[in-house]
């Protein structure tokens, strides 16, 4: 894909410039379909479980794809760094489609779960491959806008996906919720194909000049300092102003990272299952968390778990934000139904408000572009999420009106929209062409594991209390603590001024 237009022209034309319109539509369509499938399954799974007598595997049908997705992320990241994103994108889409076909034609619950596992593997890999495609195809000046478009592609299914899936399952069959997506994935991929030409790796296993030859330090810390044809080098160089020291990459082979990813996935599954163990469930939960943290270390930049300035803190902030937001979001409708006697439909509107605010916040940061400093966007977003979770906790403790919690969640969505896209932009800006895949994989893994560990832990806390009031308070108190950690780490995404 040519990138010869001046940066000012590209910024004004945006992601629908004639050079990018097809890849924009195709990439957003793939994100939309992955999001739709994720949300649609939530709607139809009770029907599937009843028809296939699969209550025993109900939880695994949700937790399994999250776990295999981590493995897919690592595989796609390593492959992209060695050979470029073309092969990983084709393979991930093929795995995603295969999983849909297996699940859509399943006649037993184990077969459906197998399809979901394959689908998760493909979906996780597809996310990372698309991020690397964005890094290679779009100039940095357009990254905030394309990630804002990705946010919108996730939000729209949250508005229409569950209802559409219910209609399809009622009028046709739940099978078509899986099979119907297959016919849409291929056209979406075909729109991206022209932009993939030439995006191949270098003979030495990298994908372009190394960090040192490109003006970086070879450790994944900075983008090139050259004045490429995209005219976006200035934004890349200001992604992390100040004194920035970025850690050297871990010396772990691609095969070794896959082993660690599998171990992390198993730990997440173990944590989800620990609540069902009548004996030693607590010990299993603690052990699972420890194993997950140990296993994730080789999968993220050095210094991530200690919040080292720069890219490590970008990755960690992403995981903490996901843990705080999604850990609380799952229980907000439950709170509205149990405490305030909302119907499920009206309780779900709270999540809809948050989703719309997420899209709006993402659109705002995309429109502001370089006028909104990355660090300020991340700090503001983290503060909004923390304030929202605190309001929900106080509403729970003091029995404030439900409107306070609902309004708070609109605030949380706006915060996530403001910071999430910028964290993605910073991850690419702080990567070299040799490690865009690894760093994109690390960001996705932090996102996924942060949410998964939070959901599993809040589930354990909720079940540990005797009363519903104490259970809700315990859950929201945990997410407040995680939110405080996100606010504390957020300023470290960039160097000291």
Protein backbone atom coordinates (compact mmCIF):
# COMPACT_ATOMS: atom_id res chain seq x y z
CA UNK A 1 0.00 0.00 0.00
CA UNK A 2 1.61 3.31 -0.99
CA UNK A 3 2.22 5.85 1.74
CA UNK A 4 3.59 8.81 -0.15
CA UNK A 5 1.01 11.49 0.61
CA UNK A 6 2.08 14.25 3.02
CA UNK A 7 1.11 13.69 6.65
CA UNK A 8 -1.11 16.78 6.74
CA UNK A 9 -3.06 15.55 3.72
CA UNK A 10 -3.44 12.06 5.21
CA UNK A 11 -4.59 13.42 8.58
CA UNK A 12 -7.26 15.58 6.97
CA UNK A 13 -8.40 12.77 4.64
CA UNK A 14 -8.30 10.26 7.50
CA UNK A 15 -8.52 6.50 7.43
CA UNK A 16 -10.91 6.63 4.47
CA UNK A 17 -8.29 8.16 2.18
CA UNK A 18 -8.28 6.23 -1.09
CA UNK A 19 -5.03 4.50 -0.07
CA UNK A 20 -6.62 3.07 3.07
CA UNK A 21 -10.36 2.82 2.55
CA UNK A 22 -10.45 -0.90 1.70
CA UNK A 23 -8.14 -2.01 4.48
CA UNK A 24 -10.06 0.21 6.92
CA UNK A 25 -13.37 -1.36 5.97
CA UNK A 26 -11.98 -4.88 5.93
CA UNK A 27 -10.14 -4.61 9.25
CA UNK A 28 -13.12 -2.99 10.97
CA UNK A 29 -15.40 -5.67 9.54
CA UNK A 30 -13.19 -8.43 11.01
CA UNK A 31 -13.19 -6.69 14.40
CA UNK A 32 -16.96 -6.24 14.17
CA UNK A 33 -17.55 -9.92 13.37
CA UNK A 34 -15.27 -11.11 16.18
CA UNK A 35 -17.08 -8.81 18.62
CA UNK A 36 -20.50 -9.86 17.36
CA UNK A 37 -19.65 -13.54 17.79
CA UNK A 38 -18.35 -12.96 21.31
CA UNK A 39 -21.51 -11.15 22.39
CA UNK A 40 -23.92 -13.33 20.44
CA UNK A 41 -22.70 -16.49 22.15
CA UNK A 42 -23.69 -15.02 25.52
CA UNK A 43 -27.27 -14.75 24.28
CA UNK A 44 -27.64 -18.19 22.74
CA UNK A 45 -25.57 -20.30 25.14
CA UNK A 46 -28.47 -21.06 27.53
CA UNK A 47 -30.41 -22.46 24.55
CA UNK A 48 -27.35 -24.40 23.35
CA UNK A 49 -26.71 -25.80 26.80
CA UNK A 50 -30.31 -26.96 27.18
CA UNK A 51 -30.47 -28.53 23.71
CA UNK A 52 -27.10 -30.30 23.97
CA UNK A 53 -27.39 -31.15 27.68
CA UNK A 54 -24.17 -29.27 28.30
CA UNK A 55 -24.58 -27.56 31.67
CA UNK A 56 -21.37 -29.18 32.95
CA UNK A 57 -19.35 -27.51 30.15
CA UNK A 58 -21.19 -24.18 30.18
CA UNK A 59 -18.42 -22.20 31.88
CA UNK A 60 -15.71 -23.81 29.76
CA UNK A 61 -17.47 -22.63 26.61
CA UNK A 62 -16.69 -19.06 27.75
CA UNK A 63 -13.38 -19.46 29.61
CA UNK A 64 -11.86 -21.82 27.02
CA UNK A 65 -11.67 -19.31 24.14
CA UNK A 66 -10.06 -16.74 26.45
CA UNK A 67 -7.38 -19.25 27.35
CA UNK A 68 -6.64 -20.45 23.81
CA UNK A 69 -6.72 -16.84 22.65
CA UNK A 70 -3.57 -16.18 24.71
CA UNK A 71 -1.79 -18.96 22.83
CA UNK A 72 -2.97 -17.53 19.51
CA UNK A 73 -1.73 -14.06 20.46
CA UNK A 74 1.77 -15.32 21.25
CA UNK A 75 1.97 -17.44 18.11
CA UNK A 76 0.82 -14.60 15.87
CA UNK A 77 3.21 -12.14 17.52
CA UNK A 78 6.26 -14.35 17.03
CA UNK A 79 5.28 -15.23 13.47
CA UNK A 80 4.64 -11.58 12.57
CA UNK A 81 8.05 -10.52 13.84
CA UNK A 82 9.78 -13.23 11.83
CA UNK A 83 7.82 -13.17 8.58
CA UNK A 84 5.46 -10.21 8.65
CA UNK A 85 1.71 -10.15 9.39
CA UNK A 86 0.43 -11.69 6.14
CA UNK A 87 0.76 -15.36 7.06
CA UNK A 88 -0.51 -14.91 10.62
CA UNK A 89 -3.56 -12.97 9.42
CA UNK A 90 -4.52 -15.58 6.82
CA UNK A 91 -3.94 -18.43 9.28
CA UNK A 92 -5.84 -16.74 12.12
CA UNK A 93 -8.85 -16.02 9.92
CA UNK A 94 -8.79 -19.64 8.73
CA UNK A 95 -8.72 -20.89 12.34
CA UNK A 96 -11.51 -18.50 13.29
CA UNK A 97 -13.66 -19.76 10.41
CA UNK A 98 -12.85 -23.39 11.24
CA UNK A 99 -13.93 -22.83 14.83
CA UNK A 100 -17.20 -21.28 13.64
CA UNK A 101 -17.85 -24.25 11.35
CA UNK A 102 -17.13 -26.81 14.08
CA UNK A 103 -19.31 -24.98 16.62
CA UNK A 104 -22.06 -24.30 14.10
CA UNK A 105 -22.34 -27.96 13.09
CA UNK A 106 -21.89 -29.37 16.61
CA UNK A 107 -24.38 -31.96 17.79
CA UNK A 108 -22.83 -32.43 21.23
CA UNK A 109 -21.55 -29.99 23.83
CA UNK A 110 -17.95 -31.30 23.72
CA UNK A 111 -17.93 -30.69 19.97
CA UNK A 112 -19.21 -27.16 20.46
CA UNK A 113 -16.58 -26.45 23.12
CA UNK A 114 -13.91 -27.79 20.75
CA UNK A 115 -15.11 -25.36 18.11
CA UNK A 116 -15.05 -22.52 20.63
CA UNK A 117 -11.46 -23.38 21.58
CA UNK A 118 -10.37 -23.25 17.93
CA UNK A 119 -12.36 -20.04 17.46
CA UNK A 120 -10.59 -18.46 20.44
CA UNK A 121 -7.21 -19.49 19.08
CA UNK A 122 -7.97 -17.83 15.76
CA UNK A 123 -9.57 -14.77 17.30
CA UNK A 124 -6.60 -14.07 19.58
CA UNK A 125 -4.13 -14.44 16.73
CA UNK A 126 -6.26 -12.28 14.43
CA UNK A 127 -6.21 -9.39 16.91
CA UNK A 128 -2.41 -9.33 17.01
CA UNK A 129 -2.01 -9.77 13.26
CA UNK A 130 -4.37 -6.84 12.62
CA UNK A 131 -2.37 -4.63 14.99
CA UNK A 132 0.81 -5.38 13.07
CA UNK A 133 -0.98 -4.68 9.78
CA UNK A 134 -2.02 -1.30 11.20
CA UNK A 135 1.59 -0.57 12.15
CA UNK A 136 2.87 -1.47 8.67
CA UNK A 137 0.12 0.06 6.50
CA UNK A 138 -1.01 3.25 8.25
CA UNK A 139 1.22 6.22 9.10
CA UNK A 140 1.40 6.95 12.83
CA UNK A 141 -0.61 10.14 12.41
CA UNK A 142 -3.65 7.99 11.57
CA UNK A 143 -3.24 5.43 14.36
CA UNK A 144 -5.55 7.23 16.84
CA UNK A 145 -8.29 7.33 14.18
CA UNK A 146 -8.05 3.69 13.11
CA UNK A 147 -8.09 2.52 16.74
CA UNK A 148 -11.11 4.74 17.33
CA UNK A 149 -12.77 2.96 14.41
CA UNK A 150 -11.89 -0.39 16.02
CA UNK A 151 -13.59 0.77 19.23
CA UNK A 152 -16.72 1.64 17.28
CA UNK A 153 -16.58 -1.77 15.60
CA UNK A 154 -16.65 -3.34 19.07
CA UNK A 155 -19.40 -1.10 20.39
CA UNK A 156 -21.94 -1.57 17.60
CA UNK A 157 -22.27 -5.34 18.22
CA UNK A 158 -22.91 -4.60 21.90
CA UNK A 159 -25.95 -2.61 20.81
CA UNK A 160 -27.39 -4.99 18.23
CA UNK A 161 -25.53 -8.28 18.66
CA UNK A 162 -27.45 -9.94 21.51
CA UNK A 163 -30.84 -9.00 20.03
CA UNK A 164 -29.85 -10.11 16.51
CA UNK A 165 -28.50 -13.41 17.84
CA UNK A 166 -31.73 -14.03 19.72
CA UNK A 167 -33.79 -13.37 16.60
CA UNK A 168 -31.63 -15.73 14.50
CA UNK A 169 -31.80 -18.46 17.13
CA UNK A 170 -35.57 -18.11 17.42
CA UNK A 171 -36.43 -17.91 13.73
CA UNK A 172 -33.80 -20.28 12.36
CA UNK A 173 -31.51 -22.08 14.80
CA UNK A 174 -28.65 -21.25 17.13
CA UNK A 175 -26.39 -23.05 14.64
CA UNK A 176 -26.75 -20.11 12.25
CA UNK A 177 -25.39 -17.66 14.80
CA UNK A 178 -22.05 -19.37 14.12
CA UNK A 179 -22.50 -20.40 10.49
CA UNK A 180 -23.95 -17.09 9.34
CA UNK A 181 -20.76 -15.25 10.27
CA UNK A 182 -18.61 -17.52 8.09
CA UNK A 183 -19.95 -16.05 4.87
CA UNK A 184 -19.09 -12.53 6.05
CA UNK A 185 -15.52 -13.16 7.20
CA UNK A 186 -14.11 -14.01 3.77
CA UNK A 187 -15.27 -10.79 2.02
CA UNK A 188 -13.87 -8.77 4.93
CA UNK A 189 -10.48 -10.44 4.53
CA UNK A 190 -10.50 -9.93 0.77
CA UNK A 191 -10.78 -6.17 1.26
CA UNK A 192 -7.50 -6.23 3.20
CA UNK A 193 -5.59 -8.39 0.72
CA UNK A 194 -4.38 -5.53 -1.54
CA UNK A 195 -2.80 -3.78 1.45
CA UNK A 196 -0.92 -6.95 2.44
CA UNK A 197 1.22 -7.08 -0.68
CA UNK A 198 4.84 -6.54 0.22
CA UNK A 199 4.38 -6.89 3.99
CA UNK A 200 6.88 -9.71 4.36
CA UNK A 201 9.73 -10.36 6.74
CA UNK A 202 13.42 -9.96 6.10
CA UNK A 203 15.78 -12.88 5.48
CA UNK A 204 17.29 -12.55 8.97
CA UNK A 205 13.94 -13.18 10.56
CA UNK A 206 13.03 -9.60 11.28
CA UNK A 207 10.70 -7.42 9.37
CA UNK A 208 12.69 -4.46 8.33
CA UNK A 209 15.61 -2.70 9.85
CA UNK A 210 16.53 -3.59 13.37
CA UNK A 211 15.94 -1.18 16.20
CA UNK A 212 19.52 0.07 16.11
CA UNK A 213 19.73 0.66 12.41
CA UNK A 214 16.37 2.38 12.47
CA UNK A 215 17.38 4.80 15.17
CA UNK A 216 16.17 2.75 18.09
CA UNK A 217 18.20 0.84 20.64
CA UNK A 218 17.30 -2.63 19.48
CA UNK A 219 15.30 -3.36 22.59
CA UNK A 220 11.81 -2.42 21.53
CA UNK A 221 11.99 1.04 23.00
CA UNK A 222 11.59 3.47 20.10
CA UNK A 223 10.39 3.68 16.59
CA UNK A 224 12.73 4.76 13.83
CA UNK A 225 13.91 8.34 13.85
CA UNK A 226 13.95 8.66 10.11
CA UNK A 227 11.70 10.90 8.10
CA UNK A 228 9.80 8.24 6.22
CA UNK A 229 7.38 8.87 3.42
CA UNK A 230 4.48 8.74 5.79
CA UNK A 231 5.62 11.94 7.39
CA UNK A 232 4.71 10.62 10.81
CA UNK A 233 8.09 10.27 12.45
CA UNK A 234 7.51 13.30 14.67
CA UNK A 235 4.52 11.67 16.34
CA UNK A 236 6.42 8.45 16.82
CA UNK A 237 9.25 10.29 18.49
CA UNK A 238 6.94 12.16 20.87
CA UNK A 239 4.99 9.12 21.97
CA UNK A 240 7.02 8.95 25.15
CA UNK A 241 8.68 12.26 25.86
CA UNK A 242 11.36 12.67 28.45
CA UNK A 243 14.07 10.35 29.68
CA UNK A 244 12.99 6.94 28.47
CA UNK A 245 14.92 3.78 29.18
CA UNK A 246 13.36 0.69 27.72
CA UNK A 247 14.34 -2.78 28.91
CA UNK A 248 16.07 -5.30 26.73
CA UNK A 249 13.82 -8.07 25.41
CA UNK A 250 13.68 -11.39 27.18
CA UNK A 251 15.76 -14.16 25.65
CA UNK A 252 12.92 -16.61 25.12
CA UNK A 253 12.42 -18.63 21.96
CA UNK A 254 9.15 -18.63 20.05
CA UNK A 255 8.53 -22.23 21.14
CA UNK A 256 9.30 -21.30 24.73
CA UNK A 257 6.80 -18.44 24.63
CA UNK A 258 4.14 -20.81 23.37
CA UNK A 259 4.79 -23.10 26.34
CA UNK A 260 4.52 -20.17 28.74
CA UNK A 261 1.33 -19.04 26.99
CA UNK A 262 -0.19 -22.49 27.38
CA UNK A 263 0.75 -22.47 31.08
CA UNK A 264 -0.86 -19.05 31.55
CA UNK A 265 -3.99 -20.28 29.79
CA UNK A 266 -4.17 -23.33 32.05
CA UNK A 267 -3.74 -21.11 35.10
CA UNK A 268 -6.68 -18.96 34.03
CA UNK A 269 -8.81 -22.06 33.54
CA UNK A 270 -7.70 -23.36 36.94
CA UNK A 271 -8.68 -20.10 38.60
CA UNK A 272 -12.11 -20.25 36.98
CA UNK A 273 -12.62 -23.83 38.16
CA UNK A 274 -11.26 -23.30 41.70
CA UNK A 275 -14.57 -21.89 42.96
CA UNK A 276 -16.20 -25.26 42.24
CA UNK A 277 -13.76 -27.20 44.40
CA UNK A 278 -15.31 -27.92 47.81
CA UNK A 279 -11.90 -28.65 49.30
CA UNK A 280 -8.72 -26.60 48.81
CA UNK A 281 -10.41 -24.26 46.34
CA UNK A 282 -8.70 -21.26 47.92
CA UNK A 283 -5.25 -22.85 47.65
CA UNK A 284 -5.88 -23.71 44.01
CA UNK A 285 -6.96 -20.13 43.32
CA UNK A 286 -3.83 -18.66 44.90
CA UNK A 287 -1.61 -21.14 43.08
CA UNK A 288 -3.34 -20.34 39.78
CA UNK A 289 -2.74 -16.60 40.20
CA UNK A 290 0.93 -17.17 41.04
CA UNK A 291 1.40 -19.47 38.06
CA UNK A 292 -0.36 -17.00 35.75
CA UNK A 293 1.91 -14.13 36.85
CA UNK A 294 5.03 -16.27 36.49
CA UNK A 295 3.96 -17.55 33.09
CA UNK A 296 3.14 -14.10 31.73
CA UNK A 297 6.60 -12.65 32.48
CA UNK A 298 8.28 -14.03 29.33
CA UNK A 299 5.27 -12.89 27.26
CA UNK A 300 5.56 -9.18 28.07
CA UNK A 301 8.41 -6.64 27.97
CA UNK A 302 10.91 -6.82 30.80
CA UNK A 303 9.82 -4.67 33.73
CA UNK A 304 6.09 -4.88 33.03
CA UNK A 305 5.14 -6.39 36.38
CA UNK A 306 7.27 -3.78 38.19
CA UNK A 307 5.80 -0.85 36.22
CA UNK A 308 9.03 0.30 34.61
CA UNK A 309 8.59 3.55 32.71
CA UNK A 310 7.72 3.45 29.04
CA UNK A 311 6.40 0.44 27.17
CA UNK A 312 6.24 -1.87 30.25
CA UNK A 313 3.90 0.56 31.99
CA UNK A 314 1.83 0.95 28.82
CA UNK A 315 1.28 -2.81 28.80
CA UNK A 316 0.59 -2.98 32.55
CA UNK A 317 -1.85 -0.05 32.46
CA UNK A 318 -3.79 -1.82 29.73
CA UNK A 319 -4.19 -4.93 31.88
CA UNK A 320 -5.11 -3.01 35.03
CA UNK A 321 -7.69 -0.93 33.17
CA UNK A 322 -9.26 -4.05 31.71
CA UNK A 323 -9.31 -5.74 35.12
CA UNK A 324 -10.97 -2.77 36.86
CA UNK A 325 -13.52 -2.07 34.13
CA UNK A 326 -14.64 -5.57 33.18
CA UNK A 327 -14.44 -6.90 36.73
CA UNK A 328 -17.05 -4.32 37.76
CA UNK A 329 -19.09 -4.28 34.56
CA UNK A 330 -20.16 -7.90 34.84
CA UNK A 331 -21.76 -7.27 38.23
CA UNK A 332 -23.41 -3.92 37.53
CA UNK A 333 -26.53 -5.38 35.81
CA UNK A 334 -26.67 -8.03 38.54
CA UNK A 335 -26.68 -5.25 41.16
CA UNK A 336 -29.47 -3.39 39.37
CA UNK A 337 -31.60 -6.52 39.14
CA UNK A 338 -31.03 -7.75 42.71
CA UNK A 339 -30.96 -4.47 44.62
CA UNK A 340 -33.20 -2.19 42.53
CA UNK A 341 -35.55 -4.76 40.93
CA UNK A 342 -34.65 -3.73 37.38
CA UNK A 343 -35.72 -6.02 34.57
CA UNK A 344 -32.78 -7.63 32.73
CA UNK A 345 -33.57 -5.45 29.71
CA UNK A 346 -33.34 -2.18 31.61
CA UNK A 347 -30.33 -3.37 33.59
CA UNK A 348 -28.58 -4.02 30.30
CA UNK A 349 -29.13 -0.40 29.28
CA UNK A 350 -26.46 0.56 31.80
CA UNK A 351 -23.94 -1.40 29.78
CA UNK A 352 -25.27 0.11 26.57
CA UNK A 353 -24.65 3.59 27.96
CA UNK A 354 -21.10 2.63 28.84
CA UNK A 355 -20.52 1.16 25.38
CA UNK A 356 -21.79 4.29 23.63
CA UNK A 357 -19.62 6.47 25.89
CA UNK A 358 -16.63 4.25 25.09
CA UNK A 359 -17.15 4.86 21.38
CA UNK A 360 -17.63 8.58 21.98
CA UNK A 361 -14.46 8.85 24.07
CA UNK A 362 -12.49 6.98 21.46
CA UNK A 363 -13.86 9.23 18.73
CA UNK A 364 -12.88 12.33 20.70
CA UNK A 365 -9.29 11.22 21.17
CA UNK A 366 -9.10 10.27 17.51
CA UNK A 367 -10.34 13.68 16.43
CA UNK A 368 -7.97 15.52 18.77
CA UNK A 369 -5.00 13.49 17.55
CA UNK A 370 -1.63 15.00 18.57
CA UNK A 371 -3.40 17.95 20.25
CA UNK A 372 -4.16 15.55 23.12
CA UNK A 373 -0.96 14.30 24.70
CA UNK A 374 -0.81 10.50 25.04
CA UNK A 375 0.07 10.59 28.72
CA UNK A 376 -2.71 13.05 29.51
CA UNK A 377 -5.25 10.88 27.67
CA UNK A 378 -4.17 7.78 29.59
CA UNK A 379 -4.12 9.53 32.97
CA UNK A 380 -7.52 11.11 32.39
CA UNK A 381 -9.03 7.84 31.21
CA UNK A 382 -7.68 5.90 34.20
CA UNK A 383 -8.99 8.56 36.60
CA UNK A 384 -12.47 8.42 35.02
CA UNK A 385 -12.61 4.63 35.34
CA UNK A 386 -11.53 4.80 38.98
CA UNK A 387 -14.07 7.52 39.77
CA UNK A 388 -16.82 5.46 38.15
CA UNK A 389 -16.00 2.29 40.09
CA UNK A 390 -15.80 4.27 43.34
CA UNK A 391 -19.27 5.72 42.66
CA UNK A 392 -20.66 2.24 42.04
CA UNK A 393 -19.10 1.00 45.30
CA UNK A 394 -20.49 3.94 47.28
CA UNK A 395 -23.90 3.41 45.66
CA UNK A 396 -23.76 -0.19 46.85
CA UNK A 397 -22.70 0.68 50.39
CA UNK A 398 -25.03 3.65 50.94
CA UNK A 399 -27.98 2.50 48.82
CA UNK A 400 -27.84 5.57 46.61
CA UNK A 401 -30.26 5.78 43.67
CA UNK A 402 -29.55 3.43 40.78
CA UNK A 403 -29.17 6.44 38.48
CA UNK A 404 -25.84 7.21 40.16
CA UNK A 405 -24.38 3.83 39.23
CA UNK A 406 -25.78 4.04 35.70
CA UNK A 407 -24.33 7.54 35.18
CA UNK A 408 -21.05 6.37 36.65
CA UNK A 409 -20.80 3.64 34.07
CA UNK A 410 -21.19 6.16 31.27
CA UNK A 411 -18.20 7.90 32.84
CA UNK A 412 -16.27 4.62 32.92
CA UNK A 413 -16.98 3.96 29.26
CA UNK A 414 -15.75 7.43 28.31
CA UNK A 415 -12.55 6.83 30.26
CA UNK A 416 -11.89 3.52 28.55
CA UNK A 417 -12.51 5.02 25.13
CA UNK A 418 -10.12 7.86 25.86
CA UNK A 419 -7.25 5.70 27.08
CA UNK A 420 -7.58 2.36 25.29
CA UNK A 421 -6.90 3.65 21.79
CA UNK A 422 -3.98 5.74 23.02
CA UNK A 423 -2.42 2.74 24.75
CA UNK A 424 -2.61 0.92 21.42
CA UNK A 425 -1.02 3.88 19.64
CA UNK A 426 1.78 4.06 22.21
CA UNK A 427 2.47 0.34 21.94
CA UNK A 428 3.10 0.67 18.21
CA UNK A 429 4.99 3.95 18.62
CA UNK A 430 7.34 2.34 21.15
CA UNK A 431 8.02 -0.69 18.94
CA UNK A 432 10.49 -1.40 16.20
CA UNK A 433 9.59 -3.32 13.06
CA UNK A 434 11.35 -6.33 14.59
CA UNK A 435 9.11 -6.51 17.65
CA UNK A 436 5.76 -5.05 16.62
CA UNK A 437 4.32 -8.55 16.79
CA UNK A 438 5.73 -9.32 20.24
CA UNK A 439 4.63 -5.99 21.70
CA UNK A 440 1.16 -6.16 20.11
CA UNK A 441 0.85 -9.67 21.49
CA UNK A 442 1.95 -8.47 24.94
CA UNK A 443 -0.68 -5.72 24.91
CA UNK A 444 -3.43 -8.15 23.88
CA UNK A 445 -2.31 -10.71 26.46
CA UNK A 446 -2.31 -8.07 29.21
CA UNK A 447 -5.78 -7.01 28.13
CA UNK A 448 -7.12 -10.56 28.02
CA UNK A 449 -5.43 -11.92 31.15
CA UNK A 450 -6.21 -8.79 33.13
CA UNK A 451 -9.90 -9.16 32.40
CA UNK A 452 -9.91 -12.94 32.83
CA UNK A 453 -8.08 -12.92 36.16
CA UNK A 454 -10.29 -10.14 37.45
CA UNK A 455 -13.48 -11.92 36.44
CA UNK A 456 -12.34 -15.16 38.03
CA UNK A 457 -11.26 -13.43 41.24
CA UNK A 458 -14.45 -11.38 41.56
CA UNK A 459 -16.40 -14.59 41.07
CA UNK A 460 -14.59 -16.16 44.01
CA UNK A 461 -15.14 -13.08 46.17
CA UNK A 462 -18.82 -12.88 45.28
CA UNK A 463 -19.36 -16.50 46.31
CA UNK A 464 -17.41 -16.08 49.55
CA UNK A 465 -19.92 -13.80 51.34
CA UNK A 466 -23.17 -14.81 52.95
CA UNK A 467 -25.26 -11.84 51.83
CA UNK A 468 -25.71 -10.26 48.42
CA UNK A 469 -24.92 -6.81 49.80
CA UNK A 470 -21.55 -7.96 51.13
CA UNK A 471 -20.82 -9.83 47.91
CA UNK A 472 -21.41 -6.78 45.73
CA UNK A 473 -19.39 -4.59 48.09
CA UNK A 474 -16.50 -7.05 48.02
CA UNK A 475 -16.47 -7.22 44.23
CA UNK A 476 -16.55 -3.46 43.73
CA UNK A 477 -13.99 -2.89 46.47
CA UNK A 478 -11.55 -5.16 44.63
CA UNK A 479 -12.09 -3.34 41.36
CA UNK A 480 -11.54 -0.01 43.14
CA UNK A 481 -8.15 -1.26 44.35
CA UNK A 482 -7.28 -2.32 40.82
CA UNK A 483 -8.43 1.06 39.55
CA UNK A 484 -6.15 2.80 42.07
CA UNK A 485 -3.25 0.74 40.74
CA UNK A 486 -4.11 1.78 37.17
CA UNK A 487 -4.14 5.46 38.16
CA UNK A 488 -0.78 5.02 39.92
CA UNK A 489 0.86 3.36 36.91
CA UNK A 490 -0.69 5.59 34.23
CA UNK A 491 1.80 8.50 34.57
CA UNK A 492 4.65 6.06 33.95
CA UNK A 493 3.59 5.33 30.38
CA UNK A 494 5.88 8.19 29.35
CA UNK A 495 9.22 9.44 30.60
CA UNK A 496 9.75 12.34 32.96
CA UNK A 497 9.45 15.72 31.32
